[in-house]
N, C-alpha and C. Protein backbone atom coordinates (compact mmCIF):
# COMPACT_ATOMS: atom_id res chain seq x y z
N UNK A 1 0.93 -1.21 -0.02
CA UNK A 1 -0.01 0.01 0.02
C UNK A 1 0.88 1.25 0.01
N UNK A 2 0.84 2.11 -1.07
CA UNK A 2 1.82 3.19 -1.19
C UNK A 2 1.64 4.34 -0.23
N UNK A 3 0.45 4.51 0.30
CA UNK A 3 0.24 5.71 1.15
C UNK A 3 -0.80 5.41 2.20
N UNK A 4 -0.81 6.21 3.26
CA UNK A 4 -1.75 6.06 4.31
C UNK A 4 -3.09 6.66 3.83
N UNK A 5 -4.22 6.06 4.23
CA UNK A 5 -5.45 6.55 3.85
C UNK A 5 -5.84 7.75 4.79
N UNK A 6 -6.37 8.83 4.15
CA UNK A 6 -6.90 9.93 4.90
C UNK A 6 -8.39 9.91 4.78
N UNK A 7 -9.07 9.95 5.91
CA UNK A 7 -10.54 9.97 5.98
C UNK A 7 -10.97 11.38 6.30
N UNK A 8 -11.69 11.98 5.42
CA UNK A 8 -12.37 13.29 5.72
C UNK A 8 -13.51 12.99 6.61
N UNK A 9 -13.62 13.55 7.83
CA UNK A 9 -14.53 13.02 8.74
C UNK A 9 -15.17 14.16 9.58
N UNK A 10 -16.37 14.08 9.88
CA UNK A 10 -17.09 14.94 10.84
C UNK A 10 -17.70 14.03 11.84
N UNK A 11 -17.52 14.33 13.15
CA UNK A 11 -18.09 13.36 14.13
C UNK A 11 -19.62 13.28 14.08
N UNK A 12 -20.07 12.08 14.41
CA UNK A 12 -21.53 11.82 14.52
C UNK A 12 -22.22 12.14 13.20
N UNK A 13 -21.65 11.69 12.07
CA UNK A 13 -22.25 11.80 10.81
C UNK A 13 -22.03 10.43 10.04
N UNK A 14 -22.40 10.43 8.78
CA UNK A 14 -22.20 9.17 8.03
C UNK A 14 -20.76 8.75 8.06
N UNK A 15 -19.86 9.69 8.13
CA UNK A 15 -18.46 9.24 8.11
C UNK A 15 -17.99 8.49 9.35
N UNK A 16 -18.90 8.49 10.42
CA UNK A 16 -18.51 7.70 11.54
C UNK A 16 -18.55 6.24 11.20
N UNK A 17 -19.34 5.82 10.26
CA UNK A 17 -19.38 4.49 9.76
C UNK A 17 -18.15 4.13 9.06
N UNK A 18 -17.60 5.04 8.30
CA UNK A 18 -16.30 4.77 7.59
C UNK A 18 -15.17 4.75 8.61
N UNK A 19 -15.26 5.53 9.65
CA UNK A 19 -14.20 5.46 10.72
C UNK A 19 -14.34 4.13 11.43
N UNK A 20 -15.51 3.65 11.67
CA UNK A 20 -15.74 2.28 12.30
C UNK A 20 -15.11 1.24 11.41
N UNK A 21 -15.28 1.33 10.09
CA UNK A 21 -14.71 0.38 9.22
C UNK A 21 -13.14 0.41 9.29
N UNK A 22 -12.56 1.57 9.27
CA UNK A 22 -11.13 1.62 9.47
C UNK A 22 -10.71 0.97 10.72
N UNK A 23 -11.43 1.17 11.86
CA UNK A 23 -11.12 0.50 13.07
C UNK A 23 -11.27 -1.00 12.96
N UNK A 24 -12.24 -1.49 12.30
CA UNK A 24 -12.47 -2.91 12.10
C UNK A 24 -11.35 -3.45 11.22
N UNK A 25 -10.93 -2.78 10.19
CA UNK A 25 -9.88 -3.24 9.36
C UNK A 25 -8.53 -3.30 10.04
N UNK A 26 -8.31 -2.38 10.99
CA UNK A 26 -7.03 -2.31 11.72
C UNK A 26 -5.94 -1.74 10.81
N UNK A 27 -6.31 -0.99 9.78
CA UNK A 27 -5.31 -0.37 8.95
C UNK A 27 -4.95 0.99 9.39
N UNK A 28 -3.64 1.46 9.07
CA UNK A 28 -3.26 2.77 9.44
C UNK A 28 -4.07 3.85 8.65
N UNK A 29 -4.46 4.92 9.39
CA UNK A 29 -5.21 6.01 8.69
C UNK A 29 -4.99 7.27 9.44
N UNK A 30 -5.24 8.41 8.67
CA UNK A 30 -5.22 9.70 9.29
C UNK A 30 -6.55 10.35 9.18
N UNK A 31 -6.98 11.12 10.05
CA UNK A 31 -8.24 11.94 9.98
C UNK A 31 -7.99 13.35 9.61
N UNK A 32 -8.82 13.81 8.71
CA UNK A 32 -8.88 15.27 8.38
C UNK A 32 -10.30 15.67 8.86
N UNK A 33 -10.35 16.34 9.95
CA UNK A 33 -11.65 16.63 10.61
C UNK A 33 -12.32 17.90 10.05
N UNK A 34 -13.55 17.85 9.69
CA UNK A 34 -14.30 18.97 9.22
C UNK A 34 -15.30 19.44 10.21
N UNK A 35 -15.30 20.70 10.52
CA UNK A 35 -16.25 21.27 11.49
C UNK A 35 -17.53 21.68 10.70
N UNK A 36 -18.48 20.88 10.69
CA UNK A 36 -19.69 21.10 9.92
C UNK A 36 -20.47 22.26 10.47
N UNK A 37 -20.44 22.50 11.79
CA UNK A 37 -21.08 23.70 12.40
C UNK A 37 -20.51 24.97 11.86
N UNK A 38 -19.21 24.90 11.53
CA UNK A 38 -18.55 26.09 10.87
C UNK A 38 -18.65 26.13 9.45
N UNK A 39 -19.29 25.15 8.85
CA UNK A 39 -19.51 25.13 7.38
C UNK A 39 -18.27 24.79 6.60
N UNK A 40 -17.32 24.09 7.24
CA UNK A 40 -16.05 23.73 6.51
C UNK A 40 -16.30 22.78 5.30
N UNK A 41 -17.37 22.03 5.38
CA UNK A 41 -17.63 21.09 4.29
C UNK A 41 -18.11 21.82 3.05
N UNK A 42 -18.50 23.12 3.20
CA UNK A 42 -18.97 23.89 2.02
C UNK A 42 -17.95 24.92 1.53
N UNK A 43 -16.75 24.81 2.07
CA UNK A 43 -15.68 25.80 1.71
C UNK A 43 -14.82 25.11 0.63
N UNK A 44 -14.11 26.02 -0.09
CA UNK A 44 -13.34 25.58 -1.29
C UNK A 44 -12.31 24.44 -1.09
N UNK A 45 -11.57 24.42 0.01
CA UNK A 45 -10.62 23.33 0.23
C UNK A 45 -11.24 21.87 0.21
N UNK A 46 -12.43 21.80 0.82
CA UNK A 46 -13.07 20.50 0.86
C UNK A 46 -13.85 20.24 -0.42
N UNK A 47 -14.46 21.32 -0.98
CA UNK A 47 -15.23 21.08 -2.25
C UNK A 47 -14.29 20.69 -3.35
N UNK A 48 -13.06 20.93 -3.26
CA UNK A 48 -12.07 20.45 -4.20
C UNK A 48 -11.89 18.95 -4.06
N UNK A 49 -12.18 18.41 -2.91
CA UNK A 49 -12.15 16.92 -2.73
C UNK A 49 -13.41 16.30 -3.14
N UNK A 50 -14.53 16.93 -2.63
CA UNK A 50 -15.89 16.37 -2.89
C UNK A 50 -16.85 17.52 -3.18
N UNK A 51 -17.15 17.83 -4.46
CA UNK A 51 -17.97 18.95 -4.81
C UNK A 51 -19.33 18.92 -4.16
N UNK A 52 -19.77 17.75 -3.70
CA UNK A 52 -21.09 17.62 -3.03
C UNK A 52 -21.07 18.14 -1.58
N UNK A 53 -19.81 18.33 -1.02
CA UNK A 53 -19.72 18.83 0.33
C UNK A 53 -20.26 17.83 1.36
N UNK A 54 -20.10 16.54 1.05
CA UNK A 54 -20.57 15.46 1.95
C UNK A 54 -19.42 14.67 2.47
N UNK A 55 -19.59 14.04 3.67
CA UNK A 55 -18.61 12.99 4.16
C UNK A 55 -19.39 11.73 4.25
N UNK A 56 -18.64 10.62 4.12
CA UNK A 56 -17.17 10.48 4.07
C UNK A 56 -16.64 10.66 2.70
N UNK A 57 -15.36 11.04 2.70
CA UNK A 57 -14.48 10.89 1.48
C UNK A 57 -13.14 10.40 1.96
N UNK A 58 -12.42 9.70 1.13
CA UNK A 58 -11.11 9.26 1.45
C UNK A 58 -10.08 9.65 0.39
N UNK A 59 -8.91 9.95 0.79
CA UNK A 59 -7.79 10.12 -0.12
C UNK A 59 -6.75 9.01 0.18
N UNK A 60 -6.31 8.41 -0.90
CA UNK A 60 -5.26 7.33 -0.81
C UNK A 60 -4.29 7.57 -1.92
N UNK A 61 -3.15 8.18 -1.64
CA UNK A 61 -2.23 8.52 -2.75
C UNK A 61 -2.95 9.49 -3.64
N UNK A 62 -2.96 9.15 -4.99
CA UNK A 62 -3.61 10.07 -5.94
C UNK A 62 -5.15 9.81 -6.05
N UNK A 63 -5.59 8.81 -5.42
CA UNK A 63 -6.99 8.41 -5.52
C UNK A 63 -7.87 9.11 -4.50
N UNK A 64 -8.98 9.66 -4.99
CA UNK A 64 -9.96 10.29 -4.06
C UNK A 64 -11.24 9.52 -4.28
N UNK A 65 -11.83 9.05 -3.21
CA UNK A 65 -13.02 8.21 -3.28
C UNK A 65 -14.15 8.94 -2.48
N UNK A 66 -15.28 9.21 -3.06
CA UNK A 66 -16.44 9.73 -2.44
C UNK A 66 -17.56 8.72 -2.59
N UNK A 67 -18.69 9.05 -2.02
CA UNK A 67 -19.88 8.19 -2.00
C UNK A 67 -19.66 7.09 -0.99
N UNK A 68 -20.58 6.96 -0.04
CA UNK A 68 -20.47 6.01 1.06
C UNK A 68 -20.22 4.57 0.66
N UNK A 69 -20.97 4.11 -0.29
CA UNK A 69 -20.81 2.68 -0.69
C UNK A 69 -19.49 2.49 -1.36
N UNK A 70 -19.04 3.39 -2.17
CA UNK A 70 -17.73 3.25 -2.90
C UNK A 70 -16.61 3.34 -1.86
N UNK A 71 -16.74 4.14 -0.83
CA UNK A 71 -15.73 4.29 0.23
C UNK A 71 -15.56 2.89 0.94
N UNK A 72 -16.68 2.29 1.29
CA UNK A 72 -16.64 1.00 1.98
C UNK A 72 -16.06 -0.03 1.12
N UNK A 73 -16.46 -0.16 -0.12
CA UNK A 73 -15.90 -1.13 -1.06
C UNK A 73 -14.39 -0.93 -1.23
N UNK A 74 -14.00 0.32 -1.42
CA UNK A 74 -12.55 0.55 -1.70
C UNK A 74 -11.69 0.21 -0.44
N UNK A 75 -12.13 0.62 0.75
CA UNK A 75 -11.30 0.38 1.92
C UNK A 75 -11.19 -1.05 2.23
N UNK A 76 -12.30 -1.78 2.22
CA UNK A 76 -12.31 -3.22 2.45
C UNK A 76 -11.40 -4.01 1.52
N UNK A 77 -11.41 -3.61 0.29
CA UNK A 77 -10.56 -4.32 -0.73
C UNK A 77 -9.13 -3.88 -0.62
N UNK A 78 -8.89 -2.67 -0.08
CA UNK A 78 -7.58 -2.15 0.06
C UNK A 78 -6.79 -2.98 1.14
N UNK A 79 -7.51 -3.50 2.08
CA UNK A 79 -6.82 -4.16 3.26
C UNK A 79 -7.47 -5.54 3.39
N UNK A 80 -7.13 -6.46 2.42
CA UNK A 80 -7.75 -7.77 2.34
C UNK A 80 -7.40 -8.66 3.53
N UNK A 81 -6.26 -8.37 4.20
CA UNK A 81 -5.83 -9.24 5.30
C UNK A 81 -6.93 -9.20 6.49
N UNK A 82 -7.74 -8.25 6.51
CA UNK A 82 -8.77 -8.21 7.56
C UNK A 82 -9.98 -9.15 7.27
N UNK A 83 -10.11 -9.54 6.02
CA UNK A 83 -11.13 -10.56 5.69
C UNK A 83 -12.51 -9.96 5.67
N UNK A 84 -12.66 -8.63 5.53
CA UNK A 84 -14.00 -8.03 5.53
C UNK A 84 -14.65 -7.89 4.20
N UNK A 85 -14.00 -8.34 3.17
CA UNK A 85 -14.57 -8.21 1.76
C UNK A 85 -14.35 -9.56 1.11
N UNK A 86 -15.32 -10.29 0.67
CA UNK A 86 -15.16 -11.47 -0.07
C UNK A 86 -14.49 -11.15 -1.39
N UNK A 87 -13.46 -11.90 -1.76
CA UNK A 87 -12.74 -11.64 -2.90
C UNK A 87 -13.48 -12.04 -4.22
N UNK A 88 -13.03 -11.47 -5.32
CA UNK A 88 -13.63 -11.83 -6.61
C UNK A 88 -13.45 -13.36 -6.86
N UNK A 89 -14.55 -14.00 -7.17
CA UNK A 89 -14.55 -15.43 -7.29
C UNK A 89 -15.20 -16.14 -6.06
N UNK A 90 -15.26 -15.46 -4.93
CA UNK A 90 -15.90 -16.04 -3.81
C UNK A 90 -17.41 -15.90 -4.05
N UNK A 91 -18.19 -16.95 -3.75
CA UNK A 91 -19.68 -16.93 -3.96
C UNK A 91 -20.39 -15.80 -3.29
N UNK A 92 -19.76 -15.31 -2.18
CA UNK A 92 -20.39 -14.25 -1.40
C UNK A 92 -20.08 -12.82 -1.98
N UNK A 93 -19.16 -12.75 -3.00
CA UNK A 93 -18.77 -11.44 -3.50
C UNK A 93 -20.01 -10.73 -4.11
N UNK A 94 -20.81 -11.36 -4.89
CA UNK A 94 -21.94 -10.76 -5.45
C UNK A 94 -22.95 -10.28 -4.46
N UNK A 95 -23.38 -11.16 -3.50
CA UNK A 95 -24.34 -10.67 -2.46
C UNK A 95 -23.70 -9.60 -1.57
N UNK A 96 -22.42 -9.66 -1.36
CA UNK A 96 -21.76 -8.57 -0.59
C UNK A 96 -21.95 -7.21 -1.27
N UNK A 97 -21.63 -7.21 -2.58
CA UNK A 97 -21.78 -5.93 -3.30
C UNK A 97 -23.24 -5.55 -3.41
N UNK A 98 -24.17 -6.52 -3.54
CA UNK A 98 -25.59 -6.19 -3.61
C UNK A 98 -26.04 -5.46 -2.42
N UNK A 99 -25.67 -5.92 -1.22
CA UNK A 99 -26.19 -5.28 -0.03
C UNK A 99 -25.56 -4.00 0.27
N UNK A 100 -24.32 -3.77 -0.06
CA UNK A 100 -23.73 -2.42 0.06
C UNK A 100 -24.43 -1.48 -0.89
N UNK A 101 -24.60 -1.80 -2.10
CA UNK A 101 -25.27 -0.99 -3.00
C UNK A 101 -26.76 -0.73 -2.73
N UNK A 102 -27.38 -1.76 -2.30
CA UNK A 102 -28.83 -1.69 -1.97
C UNK A 102 -29.05 -0.56 -0.87
N UNK A 103 -28.14 -0.43 -0.01
CA UNK A 103 -28.29 0.60 1.05
C UNK A 103 -28.48 1.98 0.39
N UNK A 104 -27.52 2.41 -0.45
CA UNK A 104 -27.51 3.70 -1.01
C UNK A 104 -28.55 3.90 -2.14
N UNK A 105 -28.74 2.84 -2.90
CA UNK A 105 -29.68 3.00 -4.06
C UNK A 105 -31.12 2.87 -3.69
N UNK A 106 -31.47 2.14 -2.64
CA UNK A 106 -32.86 1.88 -2.35
C UNK A 106 -33.24 2.18 -0.94
N UNK A 107 -32.43 1.68 0.06
CA UNK A 107 -32.97 1.72 1.44
C UNK A 107 -32.88 3.17 1.97
N UNK A 108 -31.75 3.85 1.85
CA UNK A 108 -31.69 5.25 2.45
C UNK A 108 -32.64 6.14 1.74
N UNK A 109 -32.77 6.14 0.38
CA UNK A 109 -33.79 7.00 -0.23
C UNK A 109 -35.19 6.80 0.27
N UNK A 110 -35.52 5.48 0.55
CA UNK A 110 -36.82 5.21 1.07
C UNK A 110 -36.99 5.75 2.42
N UNK A 111 -35.92 5.57 3.28
CA UNK A 111 -36.07 6.02 4.70
C UNK A 111 -36.09 7.57 4.70
N UNK A 112 -35.38 8.28 3.78
CA UNK A 112 -35.44 9.73 3.73
C UNK A 112 -36.84 10.19 3.42
N UNK A 113 -37.43 9.51 2.39
CA UNK A 113 -38.88 9.88 2.06
C UNK A 113 -39.76 9.66 3.34
N UNK A 114 -39.54 8.62 4.05
CA UNK A 114 -40.32 8.29 5.24
C UNK A 114 -40.06 9.39 6.32
N UNK A 115 -38.81 9.76 6.49
CA UNK A 115 -38.55 10.75 7.52
C UNK A 115 -39.10 12.09 7.23
N UNK A 116 -39.09 12.43 5.94
CA UNK A 116 -39.58 13.74 5.53
C UNK A 116 -41.10 13.80 5.23
N UNK A 117 -41.68 12.60 5.49
CA UNK A 117 -43.15 12.38 5.24
C UNK A 117 -43.53 12.87 3.82
N UNK A 118 -42.70 12.50 2.91
CA UNK A 118 -42.91 12.77 1.51
C UNK A 118 -43.74 11.67 0.88
N UNK A 119 -44.69 11.95 0.06
CA UNK A 119 -45.50 10.98 -0.68
C UNK A 119 -44.63 10.43 -1.79
N UNK A 120 -44.37 9.10 -1.73
CA UNK A 120 -43.54 8.58 -2.91
C UNK A 120 -44.32 8.66 -4.19
N UNK A 121 -43.58 8.67 -5.20
CA UNK A 121 -44.17 8.71 -6.64
C UNK A 121 -44.65 7.31 -6.95
N UNK A 122 -45.03 7.09 -8.19
CA UNK A 122 -45.44 5.82 -8.61
C UNK A 122 -44.28 4.82 -8.48
N UNK A 123 -44.52 3.55 -8.12
CA UNK A 123 -43.52 2.60 -7.89
C UNK A 123 -42.57 2.48 -9.11
N UNK A 124 -43.17 2.70 -10.27
CA UNK A 124 -42.31 2.44 -11.50
C UNK A 124 -41.37 3.59 -11.72
N UNK A 125 -41.49 4.67 -10.98
CA UNK A 125 -40.57 5.82 -11.14
C UNK A 125 -39.66 6.00 -9.96
N UNK A 126 -39.79 5.18 -8.94
CA UNK A 126 -39.01 5.39 -7.72
C UNK A 126 -37.83 4.43 -7.76
N UNK A 127 -36.61 4.86 -7.29
CA UNK A 127 -35.43 3.96 -7.30
C UNK A 127 -35.63 2.75 -6.44
N UNK A 128 -36.50 2.86 -5.45
CA UNK A 128 -36.65 1.70 -4.50
C UNK A 128 -38.01 1.01 -4.70
N UNK A 129 -38.79 1.43 -5.62
CA UNK A 129 -40.11 0.82 -5.78
C UNK A 129 -41.17 1.34 -4.79
N UNK A 130 -41.23 0.71 -3.66
CA UNK A 130 -42.01 1.18 -2.53
C UNK A 130 -41.44 0.92 -1.21
N UNK A 131 -41.80 1.68 -0.20
CA UNK A 131 -41.06 1.59 1.11
C UNK A 131 -41.36 0.24 1.79
N UNK A 132 -42.62 -0.27 1.76
CA UNK A 132 -42.93 -1.48 2.45
C UNK A 132 -42.05 -2.66 1.89
N UNK A 133 -41.96 -2.73 0.57
CA UNK A 133 -41.18 -3.79 -0.08
C UNK A 133 -39.74 -3.70 0.29
N UNK A 134 -39.20 -2.46 0.29
CA UNK A 134 -37.85 -2.15 0.61
C UNK A 134 -37.45 -2.69 2.11
N UNK A 135 -38.32 -2.31 3.02
CA UNK A 135 -38.12 -2.79 4.32
C UNK A 135 -38.22 -4.26 4.52
N UNK A 136 -39.22 -4.83 3.79
CA UNK A 136 -39.44 -6.27 3.88
C UNK A 136 -38.29 -7.04 3.30
N UNK A 137 -37.67 -6.47 2.23
CA UNK A 137 -36.51 -7.13 1.64
C UNK A 137 -35.37 -7.20 2.63
N UNK A 138 -35.09 -6.15 3.34
CA UNK A 138 -33.99 -6.12 4.31
C UNK A 138 -34.38 -7.05 5.52
N UNK A 139 -35.63 -6.99 6.01
CA UNK A 139 -36.07 -7.80 7.10
C UNK A 139 -35.80 -9.32 6.76
N UNK A 140 -36.15 -9.70 5.61
CA UNK A 140 -35.98 -11.12 5.25
C UNK A 140 -34.51 -11.53 5.24
N UNK A 141 -33.70 -10.64 4.78
CA UNK A 141 -32.20 -10.96 4.71
C UNK A 141 -31.65 -10.98 6.16
N UNK A 142 -31.98 -10.07 7.03
CA UNK A 142 -31.47 -10.02 8.38
C UNK A 142 -31.97 -11.22 9.20
N UNK A 143 -33.15 -11.68 8.85
CA UNK A 143 -33.68 -12.81 9.66
C UNK A 143 -32.85 -14.09 9.42
N UNK A 144 -32.01 -14.14 8.43
CA UNK A 144 -31.15 -15.28 8.24
C UNK A 144 -29.97 -15.28 9.14
N UNK A 145 -29.53 -14.06 9.66
CA UNK A 145 -28.57 -13.73 10.64
C UNK A 145 -27.42 -14.70 10.80
N UNK A 146 -26.54 -14.36 11.66
CA UNK A 146 -26.56 -13.15 12.53
C UNK A 146 -26.10 -11.90 11.78
N UNK A 147 -25.42 -12.06 10.64
CA UNK A 147 -25.00 -10.91 9.85
C UNK A 147 -25.70 -10.85 8.53
N UNK A 148 -25.48 -9.82 7.73
CA UNK A 148 -26.29 -9.66 6.56
C UNK A 148 -25.98 -10.80 5.55
N UNK A 149 -24.77 -11.34 5.53
CA UNK A 149 -24.43 -12.45 4.69
C UNK A 149 -24.51 -13.78 5.44
N UNK A 150 -25.21 -13.82 6.57
CA UNK A 150 -25.32 -15.04 7.33
C UNK A 150 -24.21 -15.12 8.41
N UNK A 151 -23.40 -16.08 8.40
CA UNK A 151 -22.39 -16.27 9.46
C UNK A 151 -21.19 -15.32 9.36
N UNK A 152 -20.94 -14.81 8.10
CA UNK A 152 -19.70 -14.05 7.90
C UNK A 152 -19.95 -12.55 8.09
N UNK A 153 -19.18 -11.97 8.97
CA UNK A 153 -19.25 -10.50 9.16
C UNK A 153 -18.38 -9.84 8.10
N UNK A 154 -18.88 -8.81 7.50
CA UNK A 154 -18.19 -8.07 6.38
C UNK A 154 -18.31 -6.64 6.62
N UNK A 155 -17.64 -5.89 5.65
CA UNK A 155 -17.79 -4.44 5.72
C UNK A 155 -19.18 -3.99 5.50
N UNK A 156 -20.01 -4.82 4.86
CA UNK A 156 -21.40 -4.43 4.61
C UNK A 156 -22.11 -4.29 5.97
N UNK A 157 -21.70 -5.14 6.95
CA UNK A 157 -22.35 -5.00 8.32
C UNK A 157 -21.92 -3.74 9.00
N UNK A 158 -20.73 -3.18 8.76
CA UNK A 158 -20.39 -1.95 9.34
C UNK A 158 -21.32 -0.83 8.78
N UNK A 159 -21.55 -0.83 7.53
CA UNK A 159 -22.47 0.08 6.90
C UNK A 159 -23.86 -0.07 7.46
N UNK A 160 -24.37 -1.22 7.45
CA UNK A 160 -25.75 -1.46 7.93
C UNK A 160 -25.95 -1.28 9.38
N UNK A 161 -24.95 -1.76 10.15
CA UNK A 161 -25.10 -1.63 11.63
C UNK A 161 -25.08 -0.18 12.04
N UNK A 162 -24.24 0.63 11.47
CA UNK A 162 -24.21 2.07 11.75
C UNK A 162 -25.52 2.73 11.36
N UNK A 163 -25.93 2.47 10.11
CA UNK A 163 -27.19 3.07 9.60
C UNK A 163 -28.40 2.67 10.36
N UNK A 164 -28.60 1.42 10.66
CA UNK A 164 -29.82 0.95 11.35
C UNK A 164 -29.86 1.43 12.76
N UNK A 165 -28.70 1.57 13.38
CA UNK A 165 -28.67 2.22 14.77
C UNK A 165 -29.29 3.53 14.73
N UNK A 166 -28.93 4.43 13.79
CA UNK A 166 -29.49 5.78 13.67
C UNK A 166 -31.00 5.65 13.33
N UNK A 167 -31.38 4.74 12.42
CA UNK A 167 -32.75 4.72 11.97
C UNK A 167 -33.73 4.26 13.04
N UNK A 168 -33.26 3.33 13.85
CA UNK A 168 -34.11 2.87 14.97
C UNK A 168 -34.16 4.00 15.99
N UNK A 169 -33.07 4.70 16.26
CA UNK A 169 -33.06 5.79 17.25
C UNK A 169 -34.03 6.94 16.79
N UNK A 170 -34.19 7.13 15.48
CA UNK A 170 -35.06 8.18 15.02
C UNK A 170 -36.48 7.70 14.75
N UNK A 171 -36.75 6.40 15.06
CA UNK A 171 -38.11 5.91 14.95
C UNK A 171 -38.44 5.57 13.49
N UNK A 172 -37.51 5.49 12.64
CA UNK A 172 -37.86 5.19 11.20
C UNK A 172 -37.98 3.71 11.01
N UNK A 173 -37.46 2.90 11.89
CA UNK A 173 -37.62 1.46 11.89
C UNK A 173 -38.07 0.97 13.25
N UNK A 174 -38.87 -0.05 13.40
CA UNK A 174 -39.29 -0.48 14.67
C UNK A 174 -38.22 -1.23 15.44
N UNK A 175 -38.14 -1.01 16.69
CA UNK A 175 -37.11 -1.61 17.64
C UNK A 175 -37.57 -3.04 17.90
N UNK A 176 -37.66 -3.83 16.87
CA UNK A 176 -38.16 -5.25 16.99
C UNK A 176 -37.21 -6.12 16.09
N UNK A 177 -37.41 -7.41 16.27
CA UNK A 177 -36.56 -8.36 15.49
C UNK A 177 -37.01 -8.39 14.01
N UNK A 178 -36.08 -8.54 13.14
CA UNK A 178 -34.66 -8.84 13.37
C UNK A 178 -33.76 -7.61 13.53
N UNK A 179 -34.37 -6.41 13.36
CA UNK A 179 -33.55 -5.14 13.43
C UNK A 179 -32.94 -5.01 14.73
N UNK A 180 -33.66 -5.17 15.83
CA UNK A 180 -33.13 -5.02 17.22
C UNK A 180 -31.91 -5.85 17.53
N UNK A 181 -32.05 -7.18 17.20
CA UNK A 181 -30.93 -8.07 17.48
C UNK A 181 -29.71 -7.72 16.67
N UNK A 182 -29.90 -7.36 15.36
CA UNK A 182 -28.82 -7.08 14.55
C UNK A 182 -28.08 -5.82 15.02
N UNK A 183 -28.76 -4.78 15.38
CA UNK A 183 -28.18 -3.56 15.88
C UNK A 183 -27.44 -3.88 17.21
N UNK A 184 -28.05 -4.70 18.01
CA UNK A 184 -27.40 -5.03 19.31
C UNK A 184 -26.12 -5.80 19.11
N UNK A 185 -26.01 -6.73 18.12
CA UNK A 185 -24.75 -7.36 17.83
C UNK A 185 -23.73 -6.39 17.31
N UNK A 186 -24.12 -5.46 16.48
CA UNK A 186 -23.20 -4.48 15.99
C UNK A 186 -22.69 -3.63 17.17
N UNK A 187 -23.60 -3.15 17.99
CA UNK A 187 -23.23 -2.26 19.07
C UNK A 187 -22.19 -2.83 20.04
N UNK A 188 -22.17 -4.22 20.14
CA UNK A 188 -21.24 -4.86 21.03
C UNK A 188 -19.86 -4.97 20.48
N UNK A 189 -19.62 -4.59 19.26
CA UNK A 189 -18.25 -4.64 18.68
C UNK A 189 -17.39 -3.58 19.25
N UNK A 190 -16.11 -3.91 19.54
CA UNK A 190 -15.24 -2.88 20.13
C UNK A 190 -15.04 -1.62 19.20
N UNK A 191 -15.15 -1.76 17.91
CA UNK A 191 -14.95 -0.57 17.05
C UNK A 191 -16.00 0.46 17.28
N UNK A 192 -17.22 0.05 17.73
CA UNK A 192 -18.28 1.02 18.00
C UNK A 192 -17.92 1.89 19.25
N UNK A 193 -17.40 1.30 20.23
CA UNK A 193 -17.01 2.06 21.46
C UNK A 193 -15.81 2.94 21.11
N UNK A 194 -14.86 2.48 20.29
CA UNK A 194 -13.70 3.35 19.92
C UNK A 194 -14.17 4.54 19.11
N UNK A 195 -15.06 4.32 18.15
CA UNK A 195 -15.49 5.51 17.37
C UNK A 195 -16.35 6.45 18.26
N UNK A 196 -17.11 5.91 19.15
CA UNK A 196 -17.88 6.81 20.11
C UNK A 196 -16.88 7.74 20.89
N UNK A 197 -15.78 7.11 21.34
CA UNK A 197 -14.86 7.90 22.12
C UNK A 197 -14.20 8.96 21.23
N UNK A 198 -13.80 8.55 20.06
CA UNK A 198 -13.12 9.48 19.08
C UNK A 198 -14.08 10.69 18.70
N UNK A 199 -15.31 10.34 18.43
CA UNK A 199 -16.22 11.35 18.09
C UNK A 199 -16.53 12.31 19.24
N UNK A 200 -16.65 11.73 20.43
CA UNK A 200 -16.89 12.56 21.60
C UNK A 200 -15.71 13.52 21.84
N UNK A 201 -14.53 13.07 21.67
CA UNK A 201 -13.33 13.92 21.89
C UNK A 201 -13.28 15.00 20.79
N UNK A 202 -13.62 14.68 19.53
CA UNK A 202 -13.57 15.65 18.45
C UNK A 202 -14.72 16.63 18.64
N UNK A 203 -15.89 16.24 19.11
CA UNK A 203 -16.99 17.17 19.37
C UNK A 203 -16.63 18.14 20.43
N UNK A 204 -16.05 17.58 21.50
CA UNK A 204 -15.66 18.43 22.60
C UNK A 204 -14.66 19.47 22.25
N UNK A 205 -13.66 19.07 21.42
CA UNK A 205 -12.62 20.06 20.95
C UNK A 205 -13.28 21.13 20.09
N UNK A 206 -14.26 20.76 19.28
CA UNK A 206 -14.94 21.76 18.41
C UNK A 206 -15.67 22.75 19.26
N UNK A 207 -16.36 22.19 20.24
CA UNK A 207 -17.12 23.12 21.14
C UNK A 207 -16.17 24.03 21.89
N UNK A 208 -15.07 23.62 22.33
CA UNK A 208 -14.11 24.45 22.98
C UNK A 208 -13.57 25.58 22.08
N UNK A 209 -13.33 25.25 20.84
CA UNK A 209 -12.86 26.21 19.85
C UNK A 209 -13.96 27.30 19.56
N UNK A 210 -15.16 26.91 19.67
CA UNK A 210 -16.29 27.88 19.30
C UNK A 210 -16.66 28.81 20.48
N UNK A 211 -16.18 28.56 21.66
CA UNK A 211 -16.48 29.48 22.76
C UNK A 211 -15.74 30.74 22.73
């Protein structure tokens, strides 16, 4: 690996999931912290990295990767010794990619519509079809447990574990099985506690600077 990965991060945001993945992988990384309360994600230095002004983004040598799903796929493939990404040729590779992409292409858009109480359009025009089917599809997969690919824990679980924790806390998903058990298993992983500590420290430092 020619260079250390830099994660552009803001505490308690989507990039906390990417930070958890780096902790799970055990790979060396550096943080470049953005103060979103100060609007740093909308200023020229970061917009040169990601014109969308969103986190997470990563820089690795000359490569810049944005979009949450792409960041997860890239990092897990970059550090194969952690075993969090089925390799090409592994029968689980296709399902692994499916569930990472399903999150961003279908599940999160459906949950955003639910959170904003927006009336979905016709199923034929929506990227996710309809909300009930989208949730039922995930429910059926998680019921096979303990992880989204069954017995094997992968980077996809870091993505889903982080996301479902937030969605249950906001009441967008019911705190019932199989969601409750899945989130509980994710929350018990040491990486979750480490990221919580890092984000608390970063948030405290930002508050001190703003006084």
